[in-house]
């Protein structure tokens, strides 16, 4: 959650156009530079988003492994009760 908030703050800080900042470039060169800067920012954001998704996948994988371990322990207990 903290990472998502940080990501939002970064977007707001790096893209003042979205917040009502300087929206119109004065020259075509400035417009091109603004577009290039926004493309760089979007690449960074995509990388962070992928990192968040990977974190969630590893978290779920860890949880699943824990549940599988619990199931195995319960199966052993059931087997020992049946053997008794």
Protein backbone atom coordinates (compact mmCIF):
# COMPACT_ATOMS: atom_id res chain seq x y z
CA UNK A 1 0.00 0.00 0.00
CA UNK A 2 2.85 2.36 0.86
CA UNK A 3 4.44 1.62 -2.49
CA UNK A 4 1.21 2.49 -4.28
CA UNK A 5 0.97 5.81 -2.42
CA UNK A 6 4.58 6.57 -3.29
CA UNK A 7 3.83 5.79 -6.91
CA UNK A 8 0.90 8.21 -6.91
CA UNK A 9 2.98 10.95 -5.33
CA UNK A 10 5.67 10.41 -7.96
CA UNK A 11 3.13 10.75 -10.77
CA UNK A 12 1.78 13.96 -9.29
CA UNK A 13 5.26 15.42 -8.83
CA UNK A 14 6.56 14.45 -12.26
CA UNK A 15 3.52 15.34 -14.31
CA UNK A 16 2.36 18.83 -13.35
CA UNK A 17 0.33 18.97 -16.56
CA UNK A 18 -2.13 16.53 -14.96
CA UNK A 19 -2.49 18.89 -12.02
CA UNK A 20 -3.15 21.99 -14.09
CA UNK A 21 0.45 23.03 -14.62
CA UNK A 22 2.00 24.23 -17.86
CA UNK A 23 -0.01 22.33 -20.44
CA UNK A 24 0.98 24.08 -23.66
CA UNK A 25 4.50 23.98 -24.93
CA UNK A 26 5.70 27.20 -26.52
CA UNK A 27 7.69 25.53 -29.28
CA UNK A 28 7.58 22.18 -31.06
CA UNK A 29 10.96 21.34 -29.47
CA UNK A 30 9.54 21.95 -25.99
CA UNK A 31 6.52 19.81 -26.81
CA UNK A 32 8.79 17.03 -28.03
CA UNK A 33 10.89 17.27 -24.87
CA UNK A 34 7.76 17.13 -22.68
CA UNK A 35 6.59 14.02 -24.51
CA UNK A 36 9.99 12.36 -24.14
CA UNK A 37 10.05 13.17 -20.42
CA UNK A 38 6.56 11.74 -19.98
CA UNK A 39 7.57 8.58 -21.86
CA UNK A 40 10.55 8.13 -19.53
CA UNK A 41 8.29 8.62 -16.51
CA UNK A 42 5.79 6.09 -17.85
CA UNK A 43 8.57 3.51 -18.33
CA UNK A 44 9.59 4.01 -14.70
CA UNK A 45 5.99 3.68 -13.56
CA UNK A 46 5.53 0.50 -15.58
CA UNK A 47 8.62 -0.96 -13.94
CA UNK A 48 7.28 -0.11 -10.49
CA UNK A 49 3.87 -1.56 -11.34
CA UNK A 50 5.50 -4.80 -12.47
CA UNK A 51 7.43 -4.87 -9.21
CA UNK A 52 4.20 -4.50 -7.26
CA UNK A 53 2.58 -7.33 -9.21
CA UNK A 54 5.60 -9.57 -8.68
CA UNK A 55 5.52 -8.80 -4.97
CA UNK A 56 1.88 -9.85 -4.82
CA UNK A 57 2.65 -13.07 -6.71
CA UNK A 58 5.48 -13.97 -4.35
CA UNK A 59 3.29 -13.14 -1.35
CA UNK A 60 0.53 -15.45 -2.61
CA UNK A 61 3.07 -18.15 -3.41
CA UNK A 62 4.41 -17.94 0.12
CA UNK A 63 0.90 -18.17 1.58
CA UNK A 64 0.11 -21.16 -0.61
CA UNK A 65 3.26 -22.95 0.49
CA UNK A 66 2.29 -22.33 4.12
CA UNK A 67 -1.19 -23.76 3.53
CA UNK A 68 0.28 -26.82 1.79
CA UNK A 69 2.54 -27.42 4.77
CA UNK A 70 -0.44 -27.18 7.14
CA UNK A 71 -2.40 -29.65 4.98
CA UNK A 72 0.50 -32.10 5.04
CA UNK A 73 0.71 -31.87 8.84
CA UNK A 74 -3.03 -32.47 9.15
CA UNK A 75 -2.84 -35.45 6.81
CA UNK A 76 -0.08 -36.94 8.98
CA UNK A 77 -2.23 -36.47 12.09
CA UNK A 78 -5.20 -38.10 10.38
CA UNK A 79 -3.05 -41.03 9.32
CA UNK A 80 -1.66 -41.49 12.85
CA UNK A 81 -5.22 -41.44 14.27
CA UNK A 82 -6.37 -44.01 11.71
CA UNK A 83 -3.37 -46.23 12.49
CA UNK A 84 -4.09 -46.16 16.22
